[in-house]
Amino acid sequence: MKEVLQLKNYMAEPITPLSVLEANQDDMKVQMEMMIMRIQAEFCRALELEEDEAWEDEKTVDDYDFDNDESKFKVDRWLRKEGGGGITCVLQDGRVFEKAGVNISVVSGNLPPAAVQQMRTRGKNLENATLPFFAAGVSAVIHPRNPMVPTIHFNY
């Protein structure tokens, strides 16, 4: 059964058109884009809950009001002319976090000739001059105000 995708569950509109995502949910590229968008939204909402000191009220990410449009994150959705784009979410000057960035990238296109040549120099026999690629990932860098709390950085 195909899932009906709801934009309110994400930080911004997906990079790939929603109609394409809904129609191709079995495609691994679509599954990856949707997964990293979910991770981004869940992580941002968890940081917002921490910023709101909601843990004292025993709230969890599951209690988050997805219909509330007052995100503490500035959201920038950008597109790449060669294919794809990303969503950058930044929380800055908070009470708990000095700065927190949770970003996704979904990019595609053809490898540049220099990259193809580099592969050839590594012993790869590539017949086609143009090689398509797809890459999708989520990354975060979190800087807490408390100097005793370590900075966090991850890429997936």
N, C-alpha and C. Protein backbone atom coordinates (compact mmCIF):
# COMPACT_ATOMS: atom_id res chain seq x y z
N MET A 1 0.84 -1.19 0.00
CA MET A 1 0.00 0.00 0.00
C MET A 1 0.88 1.25 0.00
N LYS A 2 0.58 2.16 -0.89
CA LYS A 2 1.37 3.38 -1.01
C LYS A 2 1.04 4.33 0.14
N GLU A 3 2.09 4.94 0.68
CA GLU A 3 1.95 5.91 1.75
C GLU A 3 1.56 7.26 1.16
N VAL A 4 0.63 7.96 1.80
CA VAL A 4 0.30 9.32 1.41
C VAL A 4 1.26 10.23 2.17
N LEU A 5 2.07 10.95 1.46
CA LEU A 5 3.09 11.78 2.09
C LEU A 5 2.49 13.12 2.51
N GLN A 6 2.77 13.51 3.75
CA GLN A 6 2.23 14.76 4.28
C GLN A 6 3.38 15.73 4.54
N LEU A 7 3.33 16.87 3.89
CA LEU A 7 4.41 17.85 4.00
C LEU A 7 4.61 18.34 5.43
N LYS A 8 3.55 18.36 6.23
CA LYS A 8 3.67 18.86 7.60
C LYS A 8 4.62 18.00 8.43
N ASN A 9 4.94 16.79 7.97
CA ASN A 9 5.85 15.91 8.70
C ASN A 9 7.32 16.20 8.40
N TYR A 10 7.58 17.17 7.54
CA TYR A 10 8.95 17.48 7.14
C TYR A 10 9.25 18.95 7.40
N MET A 11 10.49 19.33 7.28
CA MET A 11 10.88 20.72 7.52
C MET A 11 10.61 21.61 6.31
N ALA A 12 10.50 21.02 5.13
CA ALA A 12 10.24 21.77 3.90
C ALA A 12 9.73 20.80 2.84
N GLU A 13 9.33 21.36 1.73
CA GLU A 13 8.91 20.52 0.60
C GLU A 13 10.09 19.68 0.12
N PRO A 14 9.86 18.42 -0.22
CA PRO A 14 10.97 17.57 -0.69
C PRO A 14 11.66 18.16 -1.92
N ILE A 15 12.86 17.68 -2.18
CA ILE A 15 13.61 18.13 -3.36
C ILE A 15 12.97 17.55 -4.62
N THR A 16 12.66 16.28 -4.59
CA THR A 16 11.96 15.63 -5.70
C THR A 16 10.48 15.98 -5.59
N PRO A 17 9.79 16.27 -6.70
CA PRO A 17 8.36 16.60 -6.61
C PRO A 17 7.58 15.52 -5.86
N LEU A 18 6.65 15.97 -5.03
CA LEU A 18 5.86 15.07 -4.19
C LEU A 18 5.15 14.00 -5.01
N SER A 19 4.63 14.37 -6.17
CA SER A 19 3.92 13.39 -7.01
C SER A 19 4.85 12.27 -7.47
N VAL A 20 6.11 12.60 -7.74
CA VAL A 20 7.10 11.60 -8.16
C VAL A 20 7.43 10.68 -6.98
N LEU A 21 7.58 11.26 -5.80
CA LEU A 21 7.87 10.45 -4.61
C LEU A 21 6.74 9.48 -4.30
N GLU A 22 5.51 9.98 -4.35
CA GLU A 22 4.35 9.13 -4.03
C GLU A 22 4.19 8.00 -5.05
N ALA A 23 4.47 8.28 -6.31
CA ALA A 23 4.28 7.28 -7.36
C ALA A 23 5.39 6.23 -7.41
N ASN A 24 6.53 6.52 -6.79
CA ASN A 24 7.69 5.63 -6.91
C ASN A 24 8.24 5.20 -5.56
N GLN A 25 7.37 4.89 -4.62
CA GLN A 25 7.80 4.60 -3.26
C GLN A 25 8.64 3.34 -3.13
N ASP A 26 8.65 2.47 -4.13
CA ASP A 26 9.47 1.27 -4.07
C ASP A 26 10.90 1.52 -4.54
N ASP A 27 11.15 2.68 -5.14
CA ASP A 27 12.46 3.02 -5.66
C ASP A 27 13.41 3.38 -4.50
N MET A 28 14.61 2.83 -4.51
CA MET A 28 15.56 3.06 -3.42
C MET A 28 15.93 4.53 -3.27
N LYS A 29 16.04 5.28 -4.37
CA LYS A 29 16.36 6.71 -4.29
C LYS A 29 15.25 7.46 -3.56
N VAL A 30 14.01 7.12 -3.87
CA VAL A 30 12.86 7.75 -3.21
C VAL A 30 12.86 7.39 -1.73
N GLN A 31 13.09 6.13 -1.41
CA GLN A 31 13.11 5.70 -0.01
C GLN A 31 14.21 6.43 0.77
N MET A 32 15.35 6.63 0.14
CA MET A 32 16.45 7.33 0.80
C MET A 32 16.09 8.80 1.04
N GLU A 33 15.52 9.45 0.04
CA GLU A 33 15.13 10.86 0.22
C GLU A 33 14.11 11.00 1.34
N MET A 34 13.12 10.13 1.36
CA MET A 34 12.09 10.22 2.39
C MET A 34 12.67 9.91 3.78
N MET A 35 13.57 8.96 3.86
CA MET A 35 14.18 8.62 5.15
C MET A 35 14.99 9.79 5.70
N ILE A 36 15.83 10.41 4.88
CA ILE A 36 16.64 11.51 5.41
C ILE A 36 15.78 12.73 5.73
N MET A 37 14.68 12.92 5.01
CA MET A 37 13.78 14.02 5.36
C MET A 37 13.10 13.76 6.70
N ARG A 38 12.72 12.50 6.96
CA ARG A 38 12.13 12.15 8.26
C ARG A 38 13.15 12.34 9.38
N ILE A 39 14.39 11.89 9.15
CA ILE A 39 15.43 12.05 10.17
C ILE A 39 15.66 13.52 10.46
N GLN A 40 15.73 14.34 9.42
CA GLN A 40 15.94 15.78 9.61
C GLN A 40 14.83 16.38 10.46
N ALA A 41 13.58 16.09 10.12
CA ALA A 41 12.44 16.66 10.84
C ALA A 41 12.41 16.18 12.29
N GLU A 42 12.61 14.89 12.50
CA GLU A 42 12.59 14.35 13.87
C GLU A 42 13.72 14.94 14.71
N PHE A 43 14.90 15.08 14.12
CA PHE A 43 16.04 15.62 14.86
C PHE A 43 15.81 17.10 15.18
N CYS A 44 15.32 17.87 14.21
CA CYS A 44 15.04 19.30 14.45
C CYS A 44 13.98 19.46 15.54
N ARG A 45 12.95 18.66 15.48
CA ARG A 45 11.87 18.77 16.48
C ARG A 45 12.35 18.36 17.86
N ALA A 46 13.23 17.38 17.93
CA ALA A 46 13.80 16.99 19.23
C ALA A 46 14.66 18.13 19.79
N LEU A 47 15.43 18.80 18.95
CA LEU A 47 16.22 19.95 19.40
C LEU A 47 15.32 21.09 19.85
N GLU A 48 14.22 21.32 19.14
CA GLU A 48 13.27 22.36 19.54
C GLU A 48 12.64 22.04 20.89
N LEU A 49 12.31 20.79 21.11
CA LEU A 49 11.76 20.39 22.40
C LEU A 49 12.76 20.65 23.51
N GLU A 50 14.01 20.34 23.26
CA GLU A 50 15.06 20.60 24.26
C GLU A 50 15.18 22.10 24.50
N GLU A 51 15.13 22.86 23.43
CA GLU A 51 15.23 24.32 23.54
C GLU A 51 14.06 24.89 24.34
N ASP A 52 12.91 24.31 24.21
CA ASP A 52 11.71 24.77 24.94
C ASP A 52 11.66 24.26 26.37
N GLU A 53 12.67 23.52 26.78
CA GLU A 53 12.71 22.91 28.11
C GLU A 53 11.49 22.04 28.34
N ALA A 54 11.02 21.41 27.27
CA ALA A 54 9.81 20.59 27.35
C ALA A 54 10.04 19.27 28.08
N TRP A 55 11.30 18.90 28.26
CA TRP A 55 11.55 17.62 28.94
C TRP A 55 11.02 17.66 30.37
N GLU A 56 10.98 18.84 30.97
CA GLU A 56 10.44 18.95 32.34
C GLU A 56 8.96 18.59 32.36
N ASP A 57 8.28 18.80 31.24
CA ASP A 57 6.85 18.48 31.15
C ASP A 57 6.62 17.06 30.65
N GLU A 58 7.70 16.29 30.56
CA GLU A 58 7.65 14.90 30.11
C GLU A 58 7.09 14.75 28.70
N LYS A 59 7.39 15.72 27.85
CA LYS A 59 7.00 15.61 26.44
C LYS A 59 8.07 14.84 25.69
N THR A 60 7.66 14.21 24.61
CA THR A 60 8.60 13.49 23.75
C THR A 60 8.41 13.98 22.32
N VAL A 61 9.26 13.51 21.43
CA VAL A 61 9.13 13.87 20.02
C VAL A 61 7.76 13.46 19.49
N ASP A 62 7.21 12.37 20.00
CA ASP A 62 5.88 11.91 19.55
C ASP A 62 4.77 12.89 19.93
N ASP A 63 5.02 13.73 20.96
CA ASP A 63 4.02 14.71 21.39
C ASP A 63 4.11 16.02 20.61
N TYR A 64 5.07 16.13 19.71
CA TYR A 64 5.31 17.37 18.99
C TYR A 64 4.10 17.73 18.13
N ASP A 65 3.72 19.00 18.13
CA ASP A 65 2.58 19.48 17.34
C ASP A 65 3.05 19.77 15.92
N PHE A 66 2.82 18.81 15.01
CA PHE A 66 3.27 18.96 13.63
C PHE A 66 2.55 20.09 12.91
N ASP A 67 1.39 20.53 13.41
CA ASP A 67 0.63 21.59 12.75
C ASP A 67 1.11 22.98 13.16
N ASN A 68 1.99 23.06 14.15
CA ASN A 68 2.51 24.34 14.60
C ASN A 68 3.60 24.79 13.63
N ASP A 69 3.40 25.92 12.98
CA ASP A 69 4.36 26.41 11.99
C ASP A 69 5.46 27.28 12.60
N GLU A 70 5.50 27.41 13.92
CA GLU A 70 6.46 28.30 14.55
C GLU A 70 7.75 27.57 14.90
N SER A 71 8.45 27.14 13.90
CA SER A 71 9.72 26.45 14.10
C SER A 71 10.78 27.45 14.54
N LYS A 72 11.65 27.01 15.41
CA LYS A 72 12.78 27.84 15.83
C LYS A 72 13.90 27.80 14.79
N PHE A 73 13.78 26.91 13.83
CA PHE A 73 14.79 26.77 12.79
C PHE A 73 14.49 27.67 11.61
N LYS A 74 15.53 28.29 11.09
CA LYS A 74 15.42 28.98 9.79
C LYS A 74 15.65 27.91 8.74
N VAL A 75 14.74 27.82 7.80
CA VAL A 75 14.78 26.75 6.80
C VAL A 75 15.06 27.35 5.43
N ASP A 76 16.06 26.82 4.76
CA ASP A 76 16.42 27.26 3.41
C ASP A 76 16.42 26.05 2.50
N ARG A 77 15.49 26.02 1.56
CA ARG A 77 15.43 24.95 0.57
C ARG A 77 16.11 25.47 -0.69
N TRP A 78 17.11 24.75 -1.15
CA TRP A 78 17.89 25.21 -2.30
C TRP A 78 17.92 24.12 -3.37
N LEU A 79 18.06 24.56 -4.61
CA LEU A 79 18.12 23.64 -5.75
C LEU A 79 19.46 23.78 -6.45
N ARG A 80 19.91 22.69 -7.01
CA ARG A 80 21.18 22.62 -7.74
C ARG A 80 20.84 22.50 -9.22
N LYS A 81 21.37 23.40 -10.05
CA LYS A 81 20.99 23.41 -11.47
C LYS A 81 21.34 22.11 -12.18
N GLU A 82 22.37 21.40 -11.70
CA GLU A 82 22.77 20.14 -12.33
C GLU A 82 21.86 18.98 -11.93
N GLY A 83 21.04 19.18 -10.90
CA GLY A 83 20.11 18.14 -10.45
C GLY A 83 20.09 18.01 -8.94
N GLY A 84 18.90 18.05 -8.39
CA GLY A 84 18.74 17.88 -6.94
C GLY A 84 18.82 19.18 -6.18
N GLY A 85 19.16 19.07 -4.91
CA GLY A 85 19.24 20.23 -4.05
C GLY A 85 19.36 19.80 -2.60
N GLY A 86 18.89 20.67 -1.71
CA GLY A 86 18.99 20.36 -0.29
C GLY A 86 18.09 21.23 0.56
N ILE A 87 18.04 20.90 1.83
CA ILE A 87 17.28 21.68 2.81
C ILE A 87 18.20 21.92 3.99
N THR A 88 18.46 23.20 4.27
CA THR A 88 19.31 23.60 5.37
C THR A 88 18.44 24.14 6.49
N CYS A 89 18.60 23.62 7.70
CA CYS A 89 17.83 24.06 8.87
C CYS A 89 18.81 24.51 9.94
N VAL A 90 18.70 25.77 10.38
CA VAL A 90 19.64 26.32 11.36
C VAL A 90 18.86 26.96 12.51
N LEU A 91 19.21 26.56 13.72
CA LEU A 91 18.72 27.19 14.95
C LEU A 91 19.92 27.94 15.52
N GLN A 92 19.73 29.22 15.86
CA GLN A 92 20.86 30.02 16.32
C GLN A 92 20.47 30.86 17.51
N ASP A 93 21.43 31.07 18.41
CA ASP A 93 21.27 31.92 19.59
C ASP A 93 20.14 31.47 20.49
N GLY A 94 20.05 30.17 20.71
CA GLY A 94 19.04 29.64 21.61
C GLY A 94 19.53 29.65 23.05
N ARG A 95 18.67 29.19 23.95
CA ARG A 95 19.04 29.10 25.36
C ARG A 95 19.93 27.89 25.61
N VAL A 96 19.69 26.81 24.91
CA VAL A 96 20.45 25.57 25.08
C VAL A 96 21.54 25.45 24.03
N PHE A 97 21.20 25.80 22.79
CA PHE A 97 22.12 25.63 21.67
C PHE A 97 22.58 26.98 21.14
N GLU A 98 23.90 27.16 21.10
CA GLU A 98 24.45 28.36 20.49
C GLU A 98 24.12 28.36 19.00
N LYS A 99 24.32 27.18 18.38
CA LYS A 99 23.97 27.02 16.97
C LYS A 99 23.79 25.53 16.70
N ALA A 100 22.77 25.22 15.90
CA ALA A 100 22.51 23.83 15.51
C ALA A 100 22.08 23.83 14.05
N GLY A 101 22.73 23.02 13.26
CA GLY A 101 22.38 22.88 11.85
C GLY A 101 22.09 21.43 11.52
N VAL A 102 20.95 21.19 10.88
CA VAL A 102 20.57 19.85 10.45
C VAL A 102 20.20 19.96 8.97
N ASN A 103 20.99 19.35 8.12
CA ASN A 103 20.87 19.57 6.68
C ASN A 103 20.73 18.26 5.91
N ILE A 104 20.02 18.34 4.79
CA ILE A 104 19.98 17.20 3.88
C ILE A 104 20.40 17.65 2.49
N SER A 105 20.94 16.71 1.73
CA SER A 105 21.26 16.94 0.33
C SER A 105 20.76 15.75 -0.47
N VAL A 106 20.15 16.05 -1.60
CA VAL A 106 19.71 15.03 -2.56
C VAL A 106 20.18 15.53 -3.91
N VAL A 107 21.28 14.97 -4.40
CA VAL A 107 21.87 15.49 -5.64
C VAL A 107 22.04 14.36 -6.65
N SER A 108 21.97 14.75 -7.92
CA SER A 108 22.14 13.78 -9.00
C SER A 108 22.69 14.50 -10.22
N GLY A 109 23.14 13.73 -11.16
CA GLY A 109 23.67 14.29 -12.39
C GLY A 109 24.66 13.33 -13.01
N ASN A 110 25.55 13.87 -13.80
CA ASN A 110 26.62 13.08 -14.42
C ASN A 110 27.95 13.48 -13.78
N LEU A 111 28.79 12.48 -13.52
CA LEU A 111 30.11 12.78 -12.97
C LEU A 111 30.88 13.65 -13.94
N PRO A 112 31.59 14.65 -13.43
CA PRO A 112 32.41 15.48 -14.30
C PRO A 112 33.54 14.65 -14.92
N PRO A 113 34.02 15.05 -16.10
CA PRO A 113 35.09 14.30 -16.76
C PRO A 113 36.32 14.08 -15.87
N ALA A 114 36.66 15.06 -15.04
CA ALA A 114 37.83 14.91 -14.16
C ALA A 114 37.63 13.77 -13.17
N ALA A 115 36.41 13.60 -12.67
CA ALA A 115 36.13 12.51 -11.74
C ALA A 115 36.19 11.16 -12.45
N VAL A 116 35.67 11.12 -13.66
CA VAL A 116 35.73 9.88 -14.45
C VAL A 116 37.19 9.52 -14.73
N GLN A 117 37.99 10.52 -15.10
CA GLN A 117 39.42 10.29 -15.38
C GLN A 117 40.14 9.80 -14.13
N GLN A 118 39.80 10.35 -12.98
CA GLN A 118 40.41 9.92 -11.72
C GLN A 118 40.12 8.44 -11.47
N MET A 119 38.91 8.00 -11.78
CA MET A 119 38.56 6.59 -11.62
C MET A 119 39.39 5.72 -12.56
N ARG A 120 39.60 6.22 -13.77
CA ARG A 120 40.40 5.46 -14.74
C ARG A 120 41.85 5.31 -14.24
N THR A 121 42.37 6.36 -13.61
CA THR A 121 43.75 6.29 -13.12
C THR A 121 43.87 5.33 -11.95
N ARG A 122 42.77 4.99 -11.33
CA ARG A 122 42.77 4.01 -10.23
C ARG A 122 42.54 2.59 -10.74
N GLY A 123 42.62 2.41 -12.05
CA GLY A 123 42.50 1.06 -12.60
C GLY A 123 41.10 0.65 -12.99
N LYS A 124 40.15 1.56 -12.92
CA LYS A 124 38.78 1.24 -13.34
C LYS A 124 38.68 1.41 -14.85
N ASN A 125 38.11 0.44 -15.52
CA ASN A 125 37.92 0.51 -16.97
C ASN A 125 36.50 0.98 -17.23
N LEU A 126 36.34 2.27 -17.49
CA LEU A 126 35.02 2.86 -17.69
C LEU A 126 34.84 3.17 -19.17
N GLU A 127 33.85 2.53 -19.77
CA GLU A 127 33.63 2.71 -21.20
C GLU A 127 32.88 4.00 -21.51
N ASN A 128 31.91 4.35 -20.70
CA ASN A 128 31.10 5.55 -20.97
C ASN A 128 31.82 6.79 -20.48
N ALA A 129 31.77 7.82 -21.29
CA ALA A 129 32.38 9.09 -20.89
C ALA A 129 31.54 9.78 -19.83
N THR A 130 30.24 9.55 -19.84
CA THR A 130 29.37 10.15 -18.83
C THR A 130 28.82 9.06 -17.93
N LEU A 131 28.94 9.29 -16.65
CA LEU A 131 28.44 8.34 -15.66
C LEU A 131 27.45 9.05 -14.74
N PRO A 132 26.21 8.58 -14.68
CA PRO A 132 25.24 9.20 -13.79
C PRO A 132 25.55 8.85 -12.33
N PHE A 133 25.17 9.77 -11.42
CA PHE A 133 25.32 9.49 -10.00
C PHE A 133 24.11 10.01 -9.24
N PHE A 134 23.92 9.49 -8.04
CA PHE A 134 22.89 9.94 -7.12
C PHE A 134 23.49 9.87 -5.72
N ALA A 135 23.31 10.91 -4.94
CA ALA A 135 23.79 10.92 -3.56
C ALA A 135 22.75 11.61 -2.69
N ALA A 136 22.48 11.04 -1.53
CA ALA A 136 21.54 11.63 -0.59
C ALA A 136 22.08 11.40 0.81
N GLY A 137 21.98 12.41 1.65
CA GLY A 137 22.47 12.25 3.01
C GLY A 137 21.95 13.34 3.93
N VAL A 138 22.10 13.08 5.20
CA VAL A 138 21.73 14.05 6.24
C VAL A 138 22.98 14.30 7.08
N SER A 139 23.18 15.55 7.47
CA SER A 139 24.32 15.89 8.32
C SER A 139 23.87 16.89 9.37
N ALA A 140 24.58 16.88 10.49
CA ALA A 140 24.25 17.82 11.56
C ALA A 140 25.51 18.23 12.30
N VAL A 141 25.51 19.48 12.76
CA VAL A 141 26.54 19.99 13.66
C VAL A 141 25.78 20.75 14.74
N ILE A 142 25.98 20.33 16.00
CA ILE A 142 25.25 20.92 17.12
C ILE A 142 26.27 21.49 18.11
N HIS A 143 26.16 22.80 18.39
CA HIS A 143 27.04 23.47 19.34
C HIS A 143 26.22 23.92 20.56
N PRO A 144 26.27 23.16 21.66
CA PRO A 144 25.56 23.58 22.87
C PRO A 144 26.24 24.80 23.50
N ARG A 145 25.48 25.57 24.27
CA ARG A 145 26.05 26.72 24.98
C ARG A 145 26.96 26.27 26.13
N ASN A 146 26.56 25.21 26.80
CA ASN A 146 27.31 24.72 27.95
C ASN A 146 28.67 24.19 27.47
N PRO A 147 29.77 24.77 27.95
CA PRO A 147 31.09 24.32 27.49
C PRO A 147 31.45 22.91 27.95
N MET A 148 30.70 22.37 28.89
CA MET A 148 30.96 21.02 29.37
C MET A 148 30.24 19.96 28.53
N VAL A 149 29.38 20.41 27.62
CA VAL A 149 28.65 19.49 26.74
C VAL A 149 29.35 19.48 25.39
N PRO A 150 29.72 18.31 24.89
CA PRO A 150 30.49 18.26 23.64
C PRO A 150 29.66 18.66 22.42
N THR A 151 30.36 19.20 21.44
CA THR A 151 29.77 19.46 20.13
C THR A 151 29.52 18.12 19.45
N ILE A 152 28.44 18.04 18.70
CA ILE A 152 28.08 16.81 17.99
C ILE A 152 28.16 17.08 16.49
N HIS A 153 28.68 16.11 15.76
CA HIS A 153 28.71 16.20 14.30
C HIS A 153 28.48 14.81 13.74
N PHE A 154 27.55 14.70 12.78
CA PHE A 154 27.36 13.41 12.13
C PHE A 154 26.97 13.59 10.68
N ASN A 155 27.27 12.58 9.89
CA ASN A 155 26.86 12.47 8.49
C ASN A 155 26.31 11.08 8.28
N TYR A 156 25.21 11.00 7.56
CA TYR A 156 24.66 9.69 7.23
C TYR A 156 24.21 9.71 5.79
